[in-house]
């Protein structure tokens, strides 16, 4: 909690966080959709199954949106804050996912 308090105490930090959410509800749907482009990079989704904020259907992106989705890892004991709830497992998944790129 101390790290969050320190980060959020930086000048402009609260404005940035609030503006992110303001933008998400103020941008017209057509404009927001027009700005979306497919993610072409190889992609790993790490999903906390206990996420109370985003529905689980969002864990499986449409193929046209993420054509190189390699896999979705669902962590049953993690929430929206999956990187905090299962830090060791998230690090393990990321290390394994990026390891092939390091050997190039």
PDB file of N, CA and C in Angstrom:
ATOM      1  N   UNK A   1       0.821  -1.183   0.000  1.00  0.00           N
ATOM      2  CA  UNK A   1       0.000   0.000   0.000  1.00  0.00           C
ATOM      3  C   UNK A   1       0.877   1.263   0.000  1.00  0.00           C
ATOM      4  N   UNK A   2       2.009   1.169   0.675  1.00  0.00           N
ATOM      5  CA  UNK A   2       2.911   2.333   0.718  1.00  0.00           C
ATOM      6  C   UNK A   2       3.391   2.729  -0.676  1.00  0.00           C
ATOM      7  N   UNK A   3       3.634   1.733  -1.545  1.00  0.00           N
ATOM      8  CA  UNK A   3       4.085   2.042  -2.910  1.00  0.00           C
ATOM      9  C   UNK A   3       3.008   2.780  -3.685  1.00  0.00           C
ATOM     10  N   UNK A   4       1.747   2.361  -3.497  1.00  0.00           N
ATOM     11  CA  UNK A   4       0.654   3.056  -4.179  1.00  0.00           C
ATOM     12  C   UNK A   4       0.535   4.494  -3.686  1.00  0.00           C
ATOM     13  N   UNK A   5       0.584   4.669  -2.398  1.00  0.00           N
ATOM     14  CA  UNK A   5       0.469   6.018  -1.830  1.00  0.00           C
ATOM     15  C   UNK A   5       1.589   6.907  -2.369  1.00  0.00           C
ATOM     16  N   UNK A   6       2.795   6.363  -2.423  1.00  0.00           N
ATOM     17  CA  UNK A   6       3.920   7.138  -2.955  1.00  0.00           C
ATOM     18  C   UNK A   6       3.697   7.488  -4.426  1.00  0.00           C
ATOM     19  N   UNK A   7       3.284   6.504  -5.219  1.00  0.00           N
ATOM     20  CA  UNK A   7       3.065   6.744  -6.657  1.00  0.00           C
ATOM     21  C   UNK A   7       1.933   7.734  -6.875  1.00  0.00           C
ATOM     22  N   UNK A   8       0.845   7.567  -6.148  1.00  0.00           N
ATOM     23  CA  UNK A   8      -0.322   8.428  -6.329  1.00  0.00           C
ATOM     24  C   UNK A   8      -0.087   9.838  -5.804  1.00  0.00           C
ATOM     25  N   UNK A   9       0.955  10.011  -5.002  1.00  0.00           N
ATOM     26  CA  UNK A   9       1.263  11.333  -4.438  1.00  0.00           C
ATOM     27  C   UNK A   9       2.096  12.186  -5.386  1.00  0.00           C
ATOM     28  N   UNK A  10       2.566  11.602  -6.472  1.00  0.00           N
ATOM     29  CA  UNK A  10       3.380  12.350  -7.430  1.00  0.00           C
ATOM     30  C   UNK A  10       2.521  13.396  -8.133  1.00  0.00           C
ATOM     31  N   UNK A  11       3.082  14.555  -8.451  1.00  0.00           N
ATOM     32  CA  UNK A  11       2.313  15.591  -9.149  1.00  0.00           C
ATOM     33  C   UNK A  11       1.704  15.053 -10.447  1.00  0.00           C
ATOM     34  N   UNK A  12       0.423  15.252 -10.613  1.00  0.00           N
ATOM     35  CA  UNK A  12      -0.277  14.845 -11.822  1.00  0.00           C
ATOM     36  C   UNK A  12      -0.750  13.406 -11.839  1.00  0.00           C
ATOM     37  N   UNK A  13      -0.351  12.597 -10.862  1.00  0.00           N
ATOM     38  CA  UNK A  13      -0.710  11.174 -10.877  1.00  0.00           C
ATOM     39  C   UNK A  13      -2.217  10.970 -10.790  1.00  0.00           C
ATOM     40  N   UNK A  14      -2.862  11.647  -9.878  1.00  0.00           N
ATOM     41  CA  UNK A  14      -4.308  11.487  -9.721  1.00  0.00           C
ATOM     42  C   UNK A  14      -5.038  11.975 -10.969  1.00  0.00           C
ATOM     43  N   UNK A  15      -4.584  13.058 -11.557  1.00  0.00           N
ATOM     44  CA  UNK A  15      -5.219  13.567 -12.785  1.00  0.00           C
ATOM     45  C   UNK A  15      -5.133  12.555 -13.902  1.00  0.00           C
ATOM     46  N   UNK A  16      -3.984  11.922 -14.056  1.00  0.00           N
ATOM     47  CA  UNK A  16      -3.817  10.916 -15.096  1.00  0.00           C
ATOM     48  C   UNK A  16      -4.765   9.748 -14.907  1.00  0.00           C
ATOM     49  N   UNK A  17      -4.882   9.271 -13.676  1.00  0.00           N
ATOM     50  CA  UNK A  17      -5.770   8.136 -13.407  1.00  0.00           C
ATOM     51  C   UNK A  17      -7.227   8.517 -13.664  1.00  0.00           C
ATOM     52  N   UNK A  18      -7.623   9.673 -13.187  1.00  0.00           N
ATOM     53  CA  UNK A  18      -9.010  10.118 -13.351  1.00  0.00           C
ATOM     54  C   UNK A  18      -9.322  10.381 -14.818  1.00  0.00           C
ATOM     55  N   UNK A  19      -8.397  11.009 -15.537  1.00  0.00           N
ATOM     56  CA  UNK A  19      -8.627  11.308 -16.955  1.00  0.00           C
ATOM     57  C   UNK A  19      -8.761  10.048 -17.805  1.00  0.00           C
ATOM     58  N   UNK A  20      -8.082   8.979 -17.420  1.00  0.00           N
ATOM     59  CA  UNK A  20      -8.230   7.706 -18.134  1.00  0.00           C
ATOM     60  C   UNK A  20      -9.697   7.269 -18.110  1.00  0.00           C
ATOM     61  N   UNK A  21     -10.301   7.302 -16.937  1.00  0.00           N
ATOM     62  CA  UNK A  21     -11.701   6.884 -16.814  1.00  0.00           C
ATOM     63  C   UNK A  21     -12.657   7.913 -17.420  1.00  0.00           C
ATOM     64  N   UNK A  22     -12.344   9.185 -17.301  1.00  0.00           N
ATOM     65  CA  UNK A  22     -13.179  10.206 -17.942  1.00  0.00           C
ATOM     66  C   UNK A  22     -13.225   9.992 -19.446  1.00  0.00           C
ATOM     67  N   UNK A  23     -12.078   9.724 -20.029  1.00  0.00           N
ATOM     68  CA  UNK A  23     -12.001   9.526 -21.472  1.00  0.00           C
ATOM     69  C   UNK A  23     -12.816   8.312 -21.909  1.00  0.00           C
ATOM     70  N   UNK A  24     -12.798   7.277 -21.096  1.00  0.00           N
ATOM     71  CA  UNK A  24     -13.489   6.053 -21.499  1.00  0.00           C
ATOM     72  C   UNK A  24     -14.998   6.232 -21.581  1.00  0.00           C
ATOM     73  N   UNK A  25     -15.556   7.162 -20.854  1.00  0.00           N
ATOM     74  CA  UNK A  25     -17.004   7.384 -20.927  1.00  0.00           C
ATOM     75  C   UNK A  25     -17.367   8.600 -21.776  1.00  0.00           C
ATOM     76  N   UNK A  26     -16.412   9.441 -22.083  1.00  0.00           N
ATOM     77  CA  UNK A  26     -16.697  10.642 -22.866  1.00  0.00           C
ATOM     78  C   UNK A  26     -16.451  10.468 -24.358  1.00  0.00           C
ATOM     79  N   UNK A  27     -15.677   9.477 -24.729  1.00  0.00           N
ATOM     80  CA  UNK A  27     -15.382   9.264 -26.139  1.00  0.00           C
ATOM     81  C   UNK A  27     -16.565   8.560 -26.791  1.00  0.00           C
ATOM     82  N   UNK A  28     -17.125   9.131 -27.842  1.00  0.00           N
ATOM     83  CA  UNK A  28     -18.243   8.458 -28.521  1.00  0.00           C
ATOM     84  C   UNK A  28     -17.835   7.074 -29.002  1.00  0.00           C
ATOM     85  N   UNK A  29     -18.757   6.142 -28.934  1.00  0.00           N
ATOM     86  CA  UNK A  29     -18.464   4.746 -29.277  1.00  0.00           C
ATOM     87  C   UNK A  29     -17.886   4.597 -30.682  1.00  0.00           C
ATOM     88  N   UNK A  30     -18.444   5.316 -31.657  1.00  0.00           N
ATOM     89  CA  UNK A  30     -17.941   5.203 -33.035  1.00  0.00           C
ATOM     90  C   UNK A  30     -16.492   5.687 -33.135  1.00  0.00           C
ATOM     91  N   UNK A  31     -16.174   6.768 -32.452  1.00  0.00           N
ATOM     92  CA  UNK A  31     -14.808   7.298 -32.494  1.00  0.00           C
ATOM     93  C   UNK A  31     -13.846   6.334 -31.810  1.00  0.00           C
ATOM     94  N   UNK A  32     -14.261   5.790 -30.689  1.00  0.00           N
ATOM     95  CA  UNK A  32     -13.410   4.840 -29.974  1.00  0.00           C
ATOM     96  C   UNK A  32     -13.170   3.597 -30.819  1.00  0.00           C
ATOM     97  N   UNK A  33     -14.221   3.093 -31.442  1.00  0.00           N
ATOM     98  CA  UNK A  33     -14.090   1.888 -32.267  1.00  0.00           C
ATOM     99  C   UNK A  33     -13.193   2.142 -33.477  1.00  0.00           C
ATOM    100  N   UNK A  34     -13.282   3.323 -34.071  1.00  0.00           N
ATOM    101  CA  UNK A  34     -12.462   3.659 -35.234  1.00  0.00           C
ATOM    102  C   UNK A  34     -10.980   3.723 -34.872  1.00  0.00           C
ATOM    103  N   UNK A  35     -10.673   3.986 -33.615  1.00  0.00           N
ATOM    104  CA  UNK A  35      -9.281   4.111 -33.186  1.00  0.00           C
ATOM    105  C   UNK A  35      -8.652   2.761 -32.850  1.00  0.00           C
ATOM    106  N   UNK A  36      -9.448   1.720 -32.825  1.00  0.00           N
ATOM    107  CA  UNK A  36      -8.941   0.399 -32.467  1.00  0.00           C
ATOM    108  C   UNK A  36      -8.322  -0.266 -33.690  1.00  0.00           C
ATOM    109  N   UNK A  37      -7.142  -0.793 -33.511  1.00  0.00           N
ATOM    110  CA  UNK A  37      -6.446  -1.512 -34.566  1.00  0.00           C
ATOM    111  C   UNK A  37      -6.072  -2.890 -34.034  1.00  0.00           C
ATOM    112  N   UNK A  38      -6.017  -3.887 -34.883  1.00  0.00           N
ATOM    113  CA  UNK A  38      -5.651  -5.227 -34.415  1.00  0.00           C
ATOM    114  C   UNK A  38      -4.279  -5.241 -33.751  1.00  0.00           C
ATOM    115  N   UNK A  39      -4.155  -6.066 -32.752  1.00  0.00           N
ATOM    116  CA  UNK A  39      -2.859  -6.301 -32.105  1.00  0.00           C
ATOM    117  C   UNK A  39      -2.207  -7.426 -32.882  1.00  0.00           C
ATOM    118  N   UNK A  40      -1.143  -7.121 -33.587  1.00  0.00           N
ATOM    119  CA  UNK A  40      -0.520  -8.096 -34.476  1.00  0.00           C
ATOM    120  C   UNK A  40       0.579  -8.909 -33.809  1.00  0.00           C
ATOM    121  N   UNK A  41       1.092  -8.454 -32.687  1.00  0.00           N
ATOM    122  CA  UNK A  41       2.173  -9.157 -31.995  1.00  0.00           C
ATOM    123  C   UNK A  41       1.650 -10.435 -31.351  1.00  0.00           C
ATOM    124  N   UNK A  42       2.505 -11.421 -31.182  1.00  0.00           N
ATOM    125  CA  UNK A  42       2.100 -12.603 -30.414  1.00  0.00           C
ATOM    126  C   UNK A  42       1.603 -12.146 -29.041  1.00  0.00           C
ATOM    127  N   UNK A  43       0.497 -12.732 -28.611  1.00  0.00           N
ATOM    128  CA  UNK A  43      -0.176 -12.223 -27.419  1.00  0.00           C
ATOM    129  C   UNK A  43      -0.514 -13.331 -26.436  1.00  0.00           C
ATOM    130  N   UNK A  44      -0.273 -13.047 -25.168  1.00  0.00           N
ATOM    131  CA  UNK A  44      -0.661 -13.907 -24.058  1.00  0.00           C
ATOM    132  C   UNK A  44      -1.608 -13.096 -23.195  1.00  0.00           C
ATOM    133  N   UNK A  45      -2.789 -13.634 -22.901  1.00  0.00           N
ATOM    134  CA  UNK A  45      -3.722 -12.991 -21.976  1.00  0.00           C
ATOM    135  C   UNK A  45      -3.625 -13.732 -20.651  1.00  0.00           C
ATOM    136  N   UNK A  46      -3.417 -12.993 -19.573  1.00  0.00           N
ATOM    137  CA  UNK A  46      -3.407 -13.564 -18.224  1.00  0.00           C
ATOM    138  C   UNK A  46      -4.615 -12.981 -17.512  1.00  0.00           C
ATOM    139  N   UNK A  47      -5.531 -13.841 -17.115  1.00  0.00           N
ATOM    140  CA  UNK A  47      -6.829 -13.399 -16.609  1.00  0.00           C
ATOM    141  C   UNK A  47      -7.085 -13.925 -15.204  1.00  0.00           C
ATOM    142  N   UNK A  48      -7.455 -13.029 -14.304  1.00  0.00           N
ATOM    143  CA  UNK A  48      -7.874 -13.425 -12.969  1.00  0.00           C
ATOM    144  C   UNK A  48      -9.357 -13.783 -12.995  1.00  0.00           C
ATOM    145  N   UNK A  49      -9.683 -15.015 -12.710  1.00  0.00           N
ATOM    146  CA  UNK A  49     -11.075 -15.457 -12.799  1.00  0.00           C
ATOM    147  C   UNK A  49     -11.976 -14.805 -11.751  1.00  0.00           C
ATOM    148  N   UNK A  50     -11.379 -14.200 -10.741  1.00  0.00           N
ATOM    149  CA  UNK A  50     -12.172 -13.513  -9.736  1.00  0.00           C
ATOM    150  C   UNK A  50     -12.343 -12.034 -10.021  1.00  0.00           C
ATOM    151  N   UNK A  51     -12.095 -11.620 -11.262  1.00  0.00           N
ATOM    152  CA  UNK A  51     -12.212 -10.204 -11.632  1.00  0.00           C
ATOM    153  C   UNK A  51     -13.669  -9.760 -11.486  1.00  0.00           C
ATOM    154  N   UNK A  52     -13.901  -8.832 -10.569  1.00  0.00           N
ATOM    155  CA  UNK A  52     -15.261  -8.345 -10.314  1.00  0.00           C
ATOM    156  C   UNK A  52     -15.628  -7.152 -11.203  1.00  0.00           C
ATOM    157  N   UNK A  53     -14.683  -6.657 -11.987  1.00  0.00           N
ATOM    158  CA  UNK A  53     -14.909  -5.436 -12.770  1.00  0.00           C
ATOM    159  C   UNK A  53     -15.107  -5.703 -14.256  1.00  0.00           C
ATOM    160  N   UNK A  54     -14.417  -6.698 -14.783  1.00  0.00           N
ATOM    161  CA  UNK A  54     -14.506  -7.006 -16.204  1.00  0.00           C
ATOM    162  C   UNK A  54     -15.018  -8.435 -16.363  1.00  0.00           C
ATOM    163  N   UNK A  55     -15.998  -8.621 -17.222  1.00  0.00           N
ATOM    164  CA  UNK A  55     -16.575  -9.942 -17.438  1.00  0.00           C
ATOM    165  C   UNK A  55     -15.591 -10.900 -18.081  1.00  0.00           C
ATOM    166  N   UNK A  56     -15.719 -12.177 -17.761  1.00  0.00           N
ATOM    167  CA  UNK A  56     -14.782 -13.172 -18.275  1.00  0.00           C
ATOM    168  C   UNK A  56     -14.810 -13.304 -19.793  1.00  0.00           C
ATOM    169  N   UNK A  57     -15.903 -12.870 -20.416  1.00  0.00           N
ATOM    170  CA  UNK A  57     -15.955 -12.940 -21.880  1.00  0.00           C
ATOM    171  C   UNK A  57     -14.881 -12.056 -22.519  1.00  0.00           C
ATOM    172  N   UNK A  58     -14.388 -11.075 -21.781  1.00  0.00           N
ATOM    173  CA  UNK A  58     -13.338 -10.197 -22.307  1.00  0.00           C
ATOM    174  C   UNK A  58     -11.976 -10.880 -22.345  1.00  0.00           C
ATOM    175  N   UNK A  59     -11.838 -11.998 -21.656  1.00  0.00           N
ATOM    176  CA  UNK A  59     -10.557 -12.712 -21.640  1.00  0.00           C
ATOM    177  C   UNK A  59     -10.252 -13.348 -22.987  1.00  0.00           C
ATOM    178  N   UNK A  60     -11.276 -13.611 -23.769  1.00  0.00           N
ATOM    179  CA  UNK A  60     -11.102 -14.249 -25.075  1.00  0.00           C
ATOM    180  C   UNK A  60     -11.344 -13.216 -26.172  1.00  0.00           C
ATOM    181  N   UNK A  61     -10.305 -12.520 -26.614  1.00  0.00           N
ATOM    182  CA  UNK A  61     -10.523 -11.494 -27.641  1.00  0.00           C
ATOM    183  C   UNK A  61     -10.916 -12.110 -28.978  1.00  0.00           C
ATOM    184  N   UNK A  62     -11.603 -11.333 -29.779  1.00  0.00           N
ATOM    185  CA  UNK A  62     -11.980 -11.762 -31.126  1.00  0.00           C
ATOM    186  C   UNK A  62     -10.713 -11.990 -31.953  1.00  0.00           C
ATOM    187  N   UNK A  63     -10.739 -13.009 -32.788  1.00  0.00           N
ATOM    188  CA  UNK A  63      -9.575 -13.340 -33.616  1.00  0.00           C
ATOM    189  C   UNK A  63      -9.173 -12.159 -34.502  1.00  0.00           C
ATOM    190  N   UNK A  64     -10.141 -11.437 -35.043  1.00  0.00           N
ATOM    191  CA  UNK A  64      -9.819 -10.287 -35.899  1.00  0.00           C
ATOM    192  C   UNK A  64      -9.107  -9.185 -35.121  1.00  0.00           C
ATOM    193  N   UNK A  65      -9.372  -9.093 -33.825  1.00  0.00           N
ATOM    194  CA  UNK A  65      -8.739  -8.066 -32.997  1.00  0.00           C
ATOM    195  C   UNK A  65      -7.334  -8.477 -32.541  1.00  0.00           C
ATOM    196  N   UNK A  66      -7.149  -9.769 -32.295  1.00  0.00           N
ATOM    197  CA  UNK A  66      -5.862 -10.290 -31.810  1.00  0.00           C
ATOM    198  C   UNK A  66      -5.551 -11.573 -32.593  1.00  0.00           C
ATOM    199  N   UNK A  67      -5.148 -11.412 -33.858  1.00  0.00           N
ATOM    200  CA  UNK A  67      -4.974 -12.595 -34.701  1.00  0.00           C
ATOM    201  C   UNK A  67      -3.859 -13.541 -34.252  1.00  0.00           C
ATOM    202  N   UNK A  68      -2.917 -13.054 -33.475  1.00  0.00           N
ATOM    203  CA  UNK A  68      -1.802 -13.894 -33.022  1.00  0.00           C
ATOM    204  C   UNK A  68      -1.894 -14.226 -31.539  1.00  0.00           C
ATOM    205  N   UNK A  69      -3.115 -14.369 -31.056  1.00  0.00           N
ATOM    206  CA  UNK A  69      -3.308 -14.791 -29.667  1.00  0.00           C
ATOM    207  C   UNK A  69      -2.749 -16.197 -29.514  1.00  0.00           C
ATOM    208  N   UNK A  70      -1.765 -16.331 -28.648  1.00  0.00           N
ATOM    209  CA  UNK A  70      -1.172 -17.651 -28.446  1.00  0.00           C
ATOM    210  C   UNK A  70      -1.966 -18.464 -27.434  1.00  0.00           C
ATOM    211  N   UNK A  71      -2.405 -17.794 -26.355  1.00  0.00           N
ATOM    212  CA  UNK A  71      -3.218 -18.514 -25.372  1.00  0.00           C
ATOM    213  C   UNK A  71      -3.751 -17.551 -24.326  1.00  0.00           C
ATOM    214  N   UNK A  72      -4.740 -18.060 -23.593  1.00  0.00           N
ATOM    215  CA  UNK A  72      -5.319 -17.351 -22.456  1.00  0.00           C
ATOM    216  C   UNK A  72      -5.051 -18.203 -21.221  1.00  0.00           C
ATOM    217  N   UNK A  73      -4.405 -17.624 -20.242  1.00  0.00           N
ATOM    218  CA  UNK A  73      -4.152 -18.300 -18.972  1.00  0.00           C
ATOM    219  C   UNK A  73      -5.116 -17.722 -17.944  1.00  0.00           C
ATOM    220  N   UNK A  74      -5.968 -18.565 -17.410  1.00  0.00           N
ATOM    221  CA  UNK A  74      -6.941 -18.140 -16.394  1.00  0.00           C
ATOM    222  C   UNK A  74      -6.439 -18.571 -15.022  1.00  0.00           C
ATOM    223  N   UNK A  75      -6.290 -17.596 -14.140  1.00  0.00           N
ATOM    224  CA  UNK A  75      -5.801 -17.893 -12.798  1.00  0.00           C
ATOM    225  C   UNK A  75      -6.987 -17.853 -11.834  1.00  0.00           C
ATOM    226  N   UNK A  76      -7.378 -19.004 -11.304  1.00  0.00           N
ATOM    227  CA  UNK A  76      -8.608 -19.101 -10.514  1.00  0.00           C
ATOM    228  C   UNK A  76      -8.591 -18.310  -9.208  1.00  0.00           C
ATOM    229  N   UNK A  77      -7.426 -18.105  -8.613  1.00  0.00           N
ATOM    230  CA  UNK A  77      -7.363 -17.419  -7.322  1.00  0.00           C
ATOM    231  C   UNK A  77      -6.956 -15.957  -7.448  1.00  0.00           C
ATOM    232  N   UNK A  78      -7.086 -15.395  -8.637  1.00  0.00           N
ATOM    233  CA  UNK A  78      -6.682 -14.001  -8.862  1.00  0.00           C
ATOM    234  C   UNK A  78      -7.891 -13.161  -9.241  1.00  0.00           C
ATOM    235  N   UNK A  79      -7.774 -11.875  -8.941  1.00  0.00           N
ATOM    236  CA  UNK A  79      -8.854 -10.918  -9.208  1.00  0.00           C
ATOM    237  C   UNK A  79      -8.456 -10.012 -10.380  1.00  0.00           C
ATOM    238  N   UNK A  80      -9.080  -8.845 -10.446  1.00  0.00           N
ATOM    239  CA  UNK A  80      -8.741  -7.817 -11.433  1.00  0.00           C
ATOM    240  C   UNK A  80      -7.257  -7.448 -11.311  1.00  0.00           C
ATOM    241  N   UNK A  81      -6.735  -7.563 -10.108  1.00  0.00           N
ATOM    242  CA  UNK A  81      -5.345  -7.198  -9.828  1.00  0.00           C
ATOM    243  C   UNK A  81      -4.476  -8.457  -9.874  1.00  0.00           C
ATOM    244  N   UNK A  82      -4.558  -9.177 -10.975  1.00  0.00           N
ATOM    245  CA  UNK A  82      -3.914 -10.477 -11.128  1.00  0.00           C
ATOM    246  C   UNK A  82      -2.413 -10.412 -10.851  1.00  0.00           C
ATOM    247  N   UNK A  83      -1.776  -9.344 -11.237  1.00  0.00           N
ATOM    248  CA  UNK A  83      -0.329  -9.209 -11.031  1.00  0.00           C
ATOM    249  C   UNK A  83       0.038  -9.069  -9.558  1.00  0.00           C
ATOM    250  N   UNK A  84      -0.912  -8.676  -8.725  1.00  0.00           N
ATOM    251  CA  UNK A  84      -0.673  -8.619  -7.279  1.00  0.00           C
ATOM    252  C   UNK A  84      -1.082  -9.928  -6.617  1.00  0.00           C
ATOM    253  N   UNK A  85      -2.220 -10.455  -7.035  1.00  0.00           N
ATOM    254  CA  UNK A  85      -2.760 -11.657  -6.406  1.00  0.00           C
ATOM    255  C   UNK A  85      -1.932 -12.897  -6.688  1.00  0.00           C
ATOM    256  N   UNK A  86      -1.320 -12.959  -7.850  1.00  0.00           N
ATOM    257  CA  UNK A  86      -0.559 -14.147  -8.256  1.00  0.00           C
ATOM    258  C   UNK A  86       0.748 -13.716  -8.916  1.00  0.00           C
ATOM    259  N   UNK A  87       1.495 -12.879  -8.232  1.00  0.00           N
ATOM    260  CA  UNK A  87       2.712 -12.292  -8.814  1.00  0.00           C
ATOM    261  C   UNK A  87       3.700 -13.346  -9.302  1.00  0.00           C
ATOM    262  N   UNK A  88       3.946 -14.375  -8.517  1.00  0.00           N
ATOM    263  CA  UNK A  88       4.916 -15.388  -8.927  1.00  0.00           C
ATOM    264  C   UNK A  88       4.461 -16.108 -10.191  1.00  0.00           C
ATOM    265  N   UNK A  89       3.180 -16.451 -10.260  1.00  0.00           N
ATOM    266  CA  UNK A  89       2.657 -17.158 -11.432  1.00  0.00           C
ATOM    267  C   UNK A  89       2.670 -16.241 -12.664  1.00  0.00           C
ATOM    268  N   UNK A  90       2.293 -14.990 -12.496  1.00  0.00           N
ATOM    269  CA  UNK A  90       2.322 -14.039 -13.613  1.00  0.00           C
ATOM    270  C   UNK A  90       3.755 -13.889 -14.132  1.00  0.00           C
ATOM    271  N   UNK A  91       4.715 -13.743 -13.236  1.00  0.00           N
ATOM    272  CA  UNK A  91       6.115 -13.625 -13.661  1.00  0.00           C
ATOM    273  C   UNK A  91       6.575 -14.876 -14.391  1.00  0.00           C
ATOM    274  N   UNK A  92       6.168 -16.042 -13.903  1.00  0.00           N
ATOM    275  CA  UNK A  92       6.526 -17.300 -14.549  1.00  0.00           C
ATOM    276  C   UNK A  92       5.936 -17.368 -15.970  1.00  0.00           C
ATOM    277  N   UNK A  93       4.676 -16.992 -16.088  1.00  0.00           N
ATOM    278  CA  UNK A  93       4.029 -17.005 -17.408  1.00  0.00           C
ATOM    279  C   UNK A  93       4.696 -16.031 -18.368  1.00  0.00           C
ATOM    280  N   UNK A  94       4.985 -14.820 -17.897  1.00  0.00           N
ATOM    281  CA  UNK A  94       5.621 -13.822 -18.756  1.00  0.00           C
ATOM    282  C   UNK A  94       7.029 -14.241 -19.160  1.00  0.00           C
ATOM    283  N   UNK A  95       7.785 -14.766 -18.221  1.00  0.00           N
ATOM    284  CA  UNK A  95       9.142 -15.222 -18.529  1.00  0.00           C
ATOM    285  C   UNK A  95       9.112 -16.327 -19.576  1.00  0.00           C
ATOM    286  N   UNK A  96       8.197 -17.277 -19.417  1.00  0.00           N
ATOM    287  CA  UNK A  96       8.072 -18.356 -20.391  1.00  0.00           C
ATOM    288  C   UNK A  96       7.617 -17.858 -21.749  1.00  0.00           C
ATOM    289  N   UNK A  97       6.728 -16.892 -21.745  1.00  0.00           N
ATOM    290  CA  UNK A  97       6.195 -16.352 -23.000  1.00  0.00           C
ATOM    291  C   UNK A  97       7.267 -15.585 -23.778  1.00  0.00           C
ATOM    292  N   UNK A  98       8.084 -14.803 -23.059  1.00  0.00           N
ATOM    293  CA  UNK A  98       9.095 -13.991 -23.724  1.00  0.00           C
ATOM    294  C   UNK A  98      10.420 -14.720 -23.954  1.00  0.00           C
ATOM    295  N   UNK A  99      10.621 -15.866 -23.343  1.00  0.00           N
ATOM    296  CA  UNK A  99      11.891 -16.598 -23.479  1.00  0.00           C
ATOM    297  C   UNK A  99      12.260 -16.908 -24.919  1.00  0.00           C
ATOM    298  N   UNK A 100      11.316 -17.378 -25.768  1.00  0.00           N
ATOM    299  CA  UNK A 100      11.710 -17.655 -27.155  1.00  0.00           C
ATOM    300  C   UNK A 100      12.242 -16.420 -27.883  1.00  0.00           C
ATOM    301  N   UNK A 101      11.737 -15.252 -27.575  1.00  0.00           N
ATOM    302  CA  UNK A 101      12.198 -14.023 -28.226  1.00  0.00           C
ATOM    303  C   UNK A 101      13.636 -13.705 -27.829  1.00  0.00           C
ATOM    304  N   UNK A 102      14.023 -14.082 -26.618  1.00  0.00           N
ATOM    305  CA  UNK A 102      15.381 -13.803 -26.155  1.00  0.00           C
ATOM    306  C   UNK A 102      16.424 -14.639 -26.887  1.00  0.00           C
ATOM    307  N   UNK A 103      16.029 -15.786 -27.379  1.00  0.00           N
ATOM    308  CA  UNK A 103      16.995 -16.669 -28.037  1.00  0.00           C
ATOM    309  C   UNK A 103      17.264 -16.287 -29.494  1.00  0.00           C
ATOM    310  N   UNK A 104      16.547 -15.294 -29.997  1.00  0.00           N
ATOM    311  CA  UNK A 104      16.728 -14.876 -31.394  1.00  0.00           C
ATOM    312  C   UNK A 104      17.936 -14.008 -31.563  1.00  0.00           C
TER     313      UNK A 104
END
